[in-house]
All heavy atoms as atom14 arrays in JSON, in Angstrom:
{
  "sequence": "DKLDAISYKLTKGDTSITSVISVSGMCGAMGYLAVS",
  "atom14_mask": [
    [1, 1, 1, 1, 1, 1, 1, 1, 0, 0, 0, 0, 0, 0],
    [1, 1, 1, 1, 1, 1, 1, 1, 1, 0, 0, 0, 0, 0],
    [1, 1, 1, 1, 1, 1, 1, 1, 0, 0, 0, 0, 0, 0],
    [1, 1, 1, 1, 1, 1, 1, 1, 0, 0, 0, 0, 0, 0],
    [1, 1, 1, 1, 1, 0, 0, 0, 0, 0, 0, 0, 0, 0],
    [1, 1, 1, 1, 1, 1, 1, 1, 0, 0, 0, 0, 0, 0],
    [1, 1, 1, 1, 1, 1, 0, 0, 0, 0, 0, 0, 0, 0],
    [1, 1, 1, 1, 1, 1, 1, 1, 1, 1, 1, 1, 0, 0],
    [1, 1, 1, 1, 1, 1, 1, 1, 1, 0, 0, 0, 0, 0],
    [1, 1, 1, 1, 1, 1, 1, 1, 0, 0, 0, 0, 0, 0],
    [1, 1, 1, 1, 1, 1, 1, 0, 0, 0, 0, 0, 0, 0],
    [1, 1, 1, 1, 1, 1, 1, 1, 1, 0, 0, 0, 0, 0],
    [1, 1, 1, 1, 0, 0, 0, 0, 0, 0, 0, 0, 0, 0],
    [1, 1, 1, 1, 1, 1, 1, 1, 0, 0, 0, 0, 0, 0],
    [1, 1, 1, 1, 1, 1, 1, 0, 0, 0, 0, 0, 0, 0],
    [1, 1, 1, 1, 1, 1, 0, 0, 0, 0, 0, 0, 0, 0],
    [1, 1, 1, 1, 1, 1, 1, 1, 0, 0, 0, 0, 0, 0],
    [1, 1, 1, 1, 1, 1, 1, 0, 0, 0, 0, 0, 0, 0],
    [1, 1, 1, 1, 1, 1, 0, 0, 0, 0, 0, 0, 0, 0],
    [1, 1, 1, 1, 1, 1, 1, 0, 0, 0, 0, 0, 0, 0],
    [1, 1, 1, 1, 1, 1, 1, 1, 0, 0, 0, 0, 0, 0],
    [1, 1, 1, 1, 1, 1, 0, 0, 0, 0, 0, 0, 0, 0],
    [1, 1, 1, 1, 1, 1, 1, 0, 0, 0, 0, 0, 0, 0],
    [1, 1, 1, 1, 1, 1, 0, 0, 0, 0, 0, 0, 0, 0],
    [1, 1, 1, 1, 0, 0, 0, 0, 0, 0, 0, 0, 0, 0],
    [1, 1, 1, 1, 1, 1, 1, 1, 0, 0, 0, 0, 0, 0],
    [1, 1, 1, 1, 1, 1, 0, 0, 0, 0, 0, 0, 0, 0],
    [1, 1, 1, 1, 0, 0, 0, 0, 0, 0, 0, 0, 0, 0],
    [1, 1, 1, 1, 1, 0, 0, 0, 0, 0, 0, 0, 0, 0],
    [1, 1, 1, 1, 1, 1, 1, 1, 0, 0, 0, 0, 0, 0],
    [1, 1, 1, 1, 0, 0, 0, 0, 0, 0, 0, 0, 0, 0],
    [1, 1, 1, 1, 1, 1, 1, 1, 1, 1, 1, 1, 0, 0],
    [1, 1, 1, 1, 1, 1, 1, 1, 0, 0, 0, 0, 0, 0],
    [1, 1, 1, 1, 1, 0, 0, 0, 0, 0, 0, 0, 0, 0],
    [1, 1, 1, 1, 1, 1, 1, 0, 0, 0, 0, 0, 0, 0],
    [1, 1, 1, 1, 1, 1, 0, 0, 0, 0, 0, 0, 0, 0]
  ],
  "atom14_positions": [
    [[0.82, -1.22, 0.0], [0.0, 0.0, 0.0], [0.85, 1.27, 0.0], [0.32, 2.37, -0.16], [-0.94, -0.01, 1.21], [-0.17, -0.04, 2.53], [0.95, -0.59, 2.56], [-0.69, 0.48, 3.53], [0.0, 0.0, 0.0], [0.0, 0.0, 0.0], [0.0, 0.0, 0.0], [0.0, 0.0, 0.0], [0.0, 0.0, 0.0], [0.0, 0.0, 0.0]],
    [[2.15, 1.13, 0.18], [3.03, 2.31, 0.24], [3.88, 2.46, -1.01], [4.58, 3.45, -1.18], [3.94, 2.2, 1.46], [3.2, 2.08, 2.79], [4.17, 1.91, 3.94], [3.43, 1.79, 5.28], [2.58, 0.58, 5.33], [0.0, 0.0, 0.0], [0.0, 0.0, 0.0], [0.0, 0.0, 0.0], [0.0, 0.0, 0.0], [0.0, 0.0, 0.0]],
    [[3.83, 1.47, -1.91], [4.72, 1.49, -3.07], [4.44, 2.66, -4.01], [5.35, 3.21, -4.61], [4.6, 0.17, -3.83], [5.25, -1.04, -3.16], [5.06, -2.29, -4.01], [6.74, -0.8, -2.93], [0.0, 0.0, 0.0], [0.0, 0.0, 0.0], [0.0, 0.0, 0.0], [0.0, 0.0, 0.0], [0.0, 0.0, 0.0], [0.0, 0.0, 0.0]],
    [[3.17, 3.02, -4.15], [2.84, 4.15, -5.03], [3.51, 5.43, -4.55], [4.09, 6.18, -5.35], [1.32, 4.35, -5.08], [0.64, 3.33, -5.99], [1.35, 2.73, -6.82], [-0.57, 3.15, -5.86], [0.0, 0.0, 0.0], [0.0, 0.0, 0.0], [0.0, 0.0, 0.0], [0.0, 0.0, 0.0], [0.0, 0.0, 0.0], [0.0, 0.0, 0.0]],
    [[3.44, 5.68, -3.25], [4.04, 6.89, -2.69], [5.56, 6.86, -2.83], [6.21, 7.85, -3.19], [3.65, 7.05, -1.22], [0.0, 0.0, 0.0], [0.0, 0.0, 0.0], [0.0, 0.0, 0.0], [0.0, 0.0, 0.0], [0.0, 0.0, 0.0], [0.0, 0.0, 0.0], [0.0, 0.0, 0.0], [0.0, 0.0, 0.0], [0.0, 0.0, 0.0]],
    [[6.17, 5.69, -2.55], [7.62, 5.55, -2.67], [8.07, 5.73, -4.11], [9.04, 6.43, -4.4], [8.08, 4.17, -2.14], [7.79, 4.06, -0.64], [9.56, 3.94, -2.42], [8.06, 2.68, -0.07], [0.0, 0.0, 0.0], [0.0, 0.0, 0.0], [0.0, 0.0, 0.0], [0.0, 0.0, 0.0], [0.0, 0.0, 0.0], [0.0, 0.0, 0.0]],
    [[7.33, 5.1, -5.03], [7.67, 5.21, -6.45], [7.57, 6.65, -6.92], [8.43, 7.12, -7.68], [6.73, 4.32, -7.27], [6.97, 4.46, -8.64], [0.0, 0.0, 0.0], [0.0, 0.0, 0.0], [0.0, 0.0, 0.0], [0.0, 0.0, 0.0], [0.0, 0.0, 0.0], [0.0, 0.0, 0.0], [0.0, 0.0, 0.0], [0.0, 0.0, 0.0]],
    [[6.55, 7.37, -6.47], [6.37, 8.76, -6.89], [7.51, 9.65, -6.37], [8.01, 10.52, -7.09], [5.03, 9.31, -6.39], [4.74, 10.7, -6.9], [4.25, 10.91, -8.18], [4.99, 11.81, -6.09], [4.0, 12.19, -8.65], [4.75, 13.09, -6.55], [4.26, 13.28, -7.83], [4.03, 14.56, -8.28], [0.0, 0.0, 0.0], [0.0, 0.0, 0.0]],
    [[7.95, 9.4, -5.14], [9.05, 10.2, -4.57], [10.35, 9.96, -5.32], [11.17, 10.87, -5.5], [9.23, 9.86, -3.1], [8.11, 10.42, -2.2], [8.39, 10.12, -0.74], [7.3, 10.72, 0.15], [7.54, 10.44, 1.59], [0.0, 0.0, 0.0], [0.0, 0.0, 0.0], [0.0, 0.0, 0.0], [0.0, 0.0, 0.0], [0.0, 0.0, 0.0]],
    [[10.56, 8.7, -5.76], [11.79, 8.38, -6.46], [11.8, 8.88, -7.9], [12.84, 9.29, -8.42], [12.0, 6.86, -6.47], [12.37, 6.21, -5.13], [12.39, 4.69, -5.27], [13.72, 6.71, -4.64], [0.0, 0.0, 0.0], [0.0, 0.0, 0.0], [0.0, 0.0, 0.0], [0.0, 0.0, 0.0], [0.0, 0.0, 0.0], [0.0, 0.0, 0.0]],
    [[10.64, 8.85, -8.54], [10.58, 9.16, -9.97], [9.88, 10.48, -10.3], [9.87, 10.89, -11.46], [9.84, 8.03, -10.7], [8.47, 8.0, -10.25], [10.49, 6.69, -10.44], [0.0, 0.0, 0.0], [0.0, 0.0, 0.0], [0.0, 0.0, 0.0], [0.0, 0.0, 0.0], [0.0, 0.0, 0.0], [0.0, 0.0, 0.0], [0.0, 0.0, 0.0]],
    [[9.27, 11.09, -9.29], [8.52, 12.34, -9.51], [7.42, 12.16, -10.55], [7.11, 13.07, -11.33], [9.46, 13.47, -9.94], [10.61, 13.74, -8.98], [10.11, 14.13, -7.6], [11.28, 14.44, -6.66], [10.82, 14.74, -5.29], [0.0, 0.0, 0.0], [0.0, 0.0, 0.0], [0.0, 0.0, 0.0], [0.0, 0.0, 0.0], [0.0, 0.0, 0.0]],
    [[6.86, 10.96, -10.58], [5.77, 10.69, -11.51], [6.19, 10.25, -12.89], [5.34, 9.95, -13.73], [0.0, 0.0, 0.0], [0.0, 0.0, 0.0], [0.0, 0.0, 0.0], [0.0, 0.0, 0.0], [0.0, 0.0, 0.0], [0.0, 0.0, 0.0], [0.0, 0.0, 0.0], [0.0, 0.0, 0.0], [0.0, 0.0, 0.0], [0.0, 0.0, 0.0]],
    [[7.5, 10.19, -13.16], [7.98, 9.78, -14.47], [8.14, 8.27, -14.49], [9.09, 7.71, -13.93], [9.33, 10.45, -14.76], [9.79, 10.21, -16.19], [9.21, 9.36, -16.87], [10.75, 10.89, -16.62], [0.0, 0.0, 0.0], [0.0, 0.0, 0.0], [0.0, 0.0, 0.0], [0.0, 0.0, 0.0], [0.0, 0.0, 0.0], [0.0, 0.0, 0.0]],
    [[7.22, 7.57, -15.15], [7.24, 6.11, -15.16], [8.44, 5.54, -15.9], [8.85, 4.4, -15.65], [5.95, 5.55, -15.8], [5.8, 6.11, -17.11], [4.72, 5.91, -14.96], [0.0, 0.0, 0.0], [0.0, 0.0, 0.0], [0.0, 0.0, 0.0], [0.0, 0.0, 0.0], [0.0, 0.0, 0.0], [0.0, 0.0, 0.0], [0.0, 0.0, 0.0]],
    [[9.0, 6.31, -16.82], [10.17, 5.81, -17.56], [11.36, 5.62, -16.63], [12.18, 4.72, -16.82], [10.54, 6.78, -18.68], [10.9, 8.05, -18.16], [0.0, 0.0, 0.0], [0.0, 0.0, 0.0], [0.0, 0.0, 0.0], [0.0, 0.0, 0.0], [0.0, 0.0, 0.0], [0.0, 0.0, 0.0], [0.0, 0.0, 0.0], [0.0, 0.0, 0.0]],
    [[11.45, 6.45, -15.58], [12.55, 6.3, -14.62], [12.4, 4.99, -13.84], [13.38, 4.31, -13.55], [12.58, 7.5, -13.65], [12.87, 8.79, -14.41], [13.62, 7.29, -12.55], [12.89, 10.03, -13.55], [0.0, 0.0, 0.0], [0.0, 0.0, 0.0], [0.0, 0.0, 0.0], [0.0, 0.0, 0.0], [0.0, 0.0, 0.0], [0.0, 0.0, 0.0]],
    [[11.17, 4.65, -13.52], [10.92, 3.39, -12.82], [11.42, 2.21, -13.65], [12.04, 1.28, -13.13], [9.41, 3.21, -12.55], [8.92, 4.33, -11.82], [9.15, 1.94, -11.75], [0.0, 0.0, 0.0], [0.0, 0.0, 0.0], [0.0, 0.0, 0.0], [0.0, 0.0, 0.0], [0.0, 0.0, 0.0], [0.0, 0.0, 0.0], [0.0, 0.0, 0.0]],
    [[11.16, 2.26, -14.94], [11.61, 1.19, -15.83], [13.14, 1.11, -15.87], [13.72, 0.02, -15.82], [11.07, 1.41, -17.25], [9.67, 1.42, -17.26], [0.0, 0.0, 0.0], [0.0, 0.0, 0.0], [0.0, 0.0, 0.0], [0.0, 0.0, 0.0], [0.0, 0.0, 0.0], [0.0, 0.0, 0.0], [0.0, 0.0, 0.0], [0.0, 0.0, 0.0]],
    [[13.78, 2.28, -15.93], [15.24, 2.32, -15.97], [15.84, 1.74, -14.69], [16.8, 0.95, -14.73], [15.74, 3.76, -16.2], [17.25, 3.84, -16.01], [15.34, 4.25, -17.57], [0.0, 0.0, 0.0], [0.0, 0.0, 0.0], [0.0, 0.0, 0.0], [0.0, 0.0, 0.0], [0.0, 0.0, 0.0], [0.0, 0.0, 0.0], [0.0, 0.0, 0.0]],
    [[15.28, 2.12, -13.54], [15.78, 1.62, -12.26], [15.62, 0.1, -12.18], [16.54, -0.63, -11.77], [15.04, 2.3, -11.09], [15.39, 3.79, -11.04], [15.4, 1.62, -9.76], [14.59, 4.57, -10.01], [0.0, 0.0, 0.0], [0.0, 0.0, 0.0], [0.0, 0.0, 0.0], [0.0, 0.0, 0.0], [0.0, 0.0, 0.0], [0.0, 0.0, 0.0]],
    [[14.46, -0.39, -12.58], [14.19, -1.83, -12.5], [15.12, -2.62, -13.42], [15.72, -3.62, -13.01], [12.73, -2.11, -12.88], [11.84, -1.45, -12.01], [0.0, 0.0, 0.0], [0.0, 0.0, 0.0], [0.0, 0.0, 0.0], [0.0, 0.0, 0.0], [0.0, 0.0, 0.0], [0.0, 0.0, 0.0], [0.0, 0.0, 0.0], [0.0, 0.0, 0.0]],
    [[15.25, -2.16, -14.66], [16.09, -2.87, -15.62], [17.56, -2.8, -15.2], [18.3, -3.8, -15.3], [15.91, -2.27, -17.03], [16.93, -2.85, -18.0], [14.5, -2.53, -17.53], [0.0, 0.0, 0.0], [0.0, 0.0, 0.0], [0.0, 0.0, 0.0], [0.0, 0.0, 0.0], [0.0, 0.0, 0.0], [0.0, 0.0, 0.0], [0.0, 0.0, 0.0]],
    [[18.0, -1.65, -14.71], [19.4, -1.5, -14.29], [19.73, -2.44, -13.14], [20.79, -3.09, -13.13], [19.68, -0.05, -13.88], [19.47, 0.83, -14.96], [0.0, 0.0, 0.0], [0.0, 0.0, 0.0], [0.0, 0.0, 0.0], [0.0, 0.0, 0.0], [0.0, 0.0, 0.0], [0.0, 0.0, 0.0], [0.0, 0.0, 0.0], [0.0, 0.0, 0.0]],
    [[18.84, -2.5, -12.16], [19.06, -3.4, -11.02], [19.12, -4.85, -11.46], [20.0, -5.61, -11.02], [0.0, 0.0, 0.0], [0.0, 0.0, 0.0], [0.0, 0.0, 0.0], [0.0, 0.0, 0.0], [0.0, 0.0, 0.0], [0.0, 0.0, 0.0], [0.0, 0.0, 0.0], [0.0, 0.0, 0.0], [0.0, 0.0, 0.0], [0.0, 0.0, 0.0]],
    [[18.21, -5.25, -12.34], [18.19, -6.63, -12.81], [19.43, -6.96, -13.64], [20.02, -8.03, -13.5], [16.92, -6.87, -13.64], [16.74, -8.31, -14.09], [16.58, -9.46, -12.7], [14.97, -8.96, -12.06], [0.0, 0.0, 0.0], [0.0, 0.0, 0.0], [0.0, 0.0, 0.0], [0.0, 0.0, 0.0], [0.0, 0.0, 0.0], [0.0, 0.0, 0.0]],
    [[19.84, -6.02, -14.5], [21.04, -6.25, -15.31], [22.29, -6.4, -14.44], [23.14, -7.26, -14.69], [21.24, -5.1, -16.3], [20.06, -5.1, -17.68], [0.0, 0.0, 0.0], [0.0, 0.0, 0.0], [0.0, 0.0, 0.0], [0.0, 0.0, 0.0], [0.0, 0.0, 0.0], [0.0, 0.0, 0.0], [0.0, 0.0, 0.0], [0.0, 0.0, 0.0]],
    [[22.39, -5.56, -13.42], [23.53, -5.64, -12.51], [23.58, -6.96, -11.78], [24.63, -7.62, -11.71], [0.0, 0.0, 0.0], [0.0, 0.0, 0.0], [0.0, 0.0, 0.0], [0.0, 0.0, 0.0], [0.0, 0.0, 0.0], [0.0, 0.0, 0.0], [0.0, 0.0, 0.0], [0.0, 0.0, 0.0], [0.0, 0.0, 0.0], [0.0, 0.0, 0.0]],
    [[22.44, -7.38, -11.23], [22.39, -8.63, -10.47], [22.66, -9.84, -11.35], [23.49, -10.7, -11.03], [21.02, -8.77, -9.79], [0.0, 0.0, 0.0], [0.0, 0.0, 0.0], [0.0, 0.0, 0.0], [0.0, 0.0, 0.0], [0.0, 0.0, 0.0], [0.0, 0.0, 0.0], [0.0, 0.0, 0.0], [0.0, 0.0, 0.0], [0.0, 0.0, 0.0]],
    [[21.98, -9.9, -12.5], [22.15, -11.04, -13.4], [23.54, -11.05, -14.04], [24.12, -12.11, -14.27], [21.07, -11.03, -14.48], [19.66, -11.26, -13.97], [19.44, -12.86, -13.15], [19.34, -12.34, -11.41], [0.0, 0.0, 0.0], [0.0, 0.0, 0.0], [0.0, 0.0, 0.0], [0.0, 0.0, 0.0], [0.0, 0.0, 0.0], [0.0, 0.0, 0.0]],
    [[24.07, -9.85, -14.33], [25.41, -9.77, -14.89], [26.46, -10.29, -13.92], [27.37, -11.04, -14.31], [0.0, 0.0, 0.0], [0.0, 0.0, 0.0], [0.0, 0.0, 0.0], [0.0, 0.0, 0.0], [0.0, 0.0, 0.0], [0.0, 0.0, 0.0], [0.0, 0.0, 0.0], [0.0, 0.0, 0.0], [0.0, 0.0, 0.0], [0.0, 0.0, 0.0]],
    [[26.32, -9.92, -12.66], [27.26, -10.42, -11.63], [27.19, -11.93, -11.52], [28.21, -12.62, -11.48], [26.93, -9.78, -10.28], [27.64, -10.44, -9.12], [28.98, -10.17, -8.86], [26.97, -11.35, -8.3], [29.64, -10.79, -7.81], [27.62, -11.97, -7.25], [28.96, -11.68, -7.01], [29.6, -12.31, -5.97], [0.0, 0.0, 0.0], [0.0, 0.0, 0.0]],
    [[25.98, -12.48, -11.49], [25.82, -13.92, -11.36], [26.36, -14.66, -12.59], [26.99, -15.71, -12.47], [24.34, -14.26, -11.16], [23.74, -13.8, -9.83], [22.23, -14.02, -9.82], [24.38, -14.54, -8.67], [0.0, 0.0, 0.0], [0.0, 0.0, 0.0], [0.0, 0.0, 0.0], [0.0, 0.0, 0.0], [0.0, 0.0, 0.0], [0.0, 0.0, 0.0]],
    [[26.12, -14.09, -13.78], [26.59, -14.73, -15.01], [28.12, -14.78, -15.03], [28.72, -15.83, -15.32], [26.07, -13.99, -16.23], [0.0, 0.0, 0.0], [0.0, 0.0, 0.0], [0.0, 0.0, 0.0], [0.0, 0.0, 0.0], [0.0, 0.0, 0.0], [0.0, 0.0, 0.0], [0.0, 0.0, 0.0], [0.0, 0.0, 0.0], [0.0, 0.0, 0.0]],
    [[28.76, -13.66, -14.71], [30.22, -13.61, -14.74], [30.84, -14.49, -13.67], [31.8, -15.24, -13.93], [30.71, -12.15, -14.57], [32.23, -12.1, -14.42], [30.28, -11.31, -15.76], [0.0, 0.0, 0.0], [0.0, 0.0, 0.0], [0.0, 0.0, 0.0], [0.0, 0.0, 0.0], [0.0, 0.0, 0.0], [0.0, 0.0, 0.0], [0.0, 0.0, 0.0]],
    [[30.29, -14.45, -12.46], [30.86, -15.25, -11.36], [30.73, -16.75, -11.63], [31.6, -17.53, -11.23], [30.16, -14.9, -10.03], [28.78, -15.2, -10.09], [0.0, 0.0, 0.0], [0.0, 0.0, 0.0], [0.0, 0.0, 0.0], [0.0, 0.0, 0.0], [0.0, 0.0, 0.0], [0.0, 0.0, 0.0], [0.0, 0.0, 0.0], [0.0, 0.0, 0.0]]
  ]
}
């Protein structure tokens, strides 16, 4: 119930930023696991 407020504070309502954050985090995690 708090994710909408947290997401808005992080992105200022710009949904494209949310996508960038999500994809960047996933790429970093999966990239580390793949290389290791």
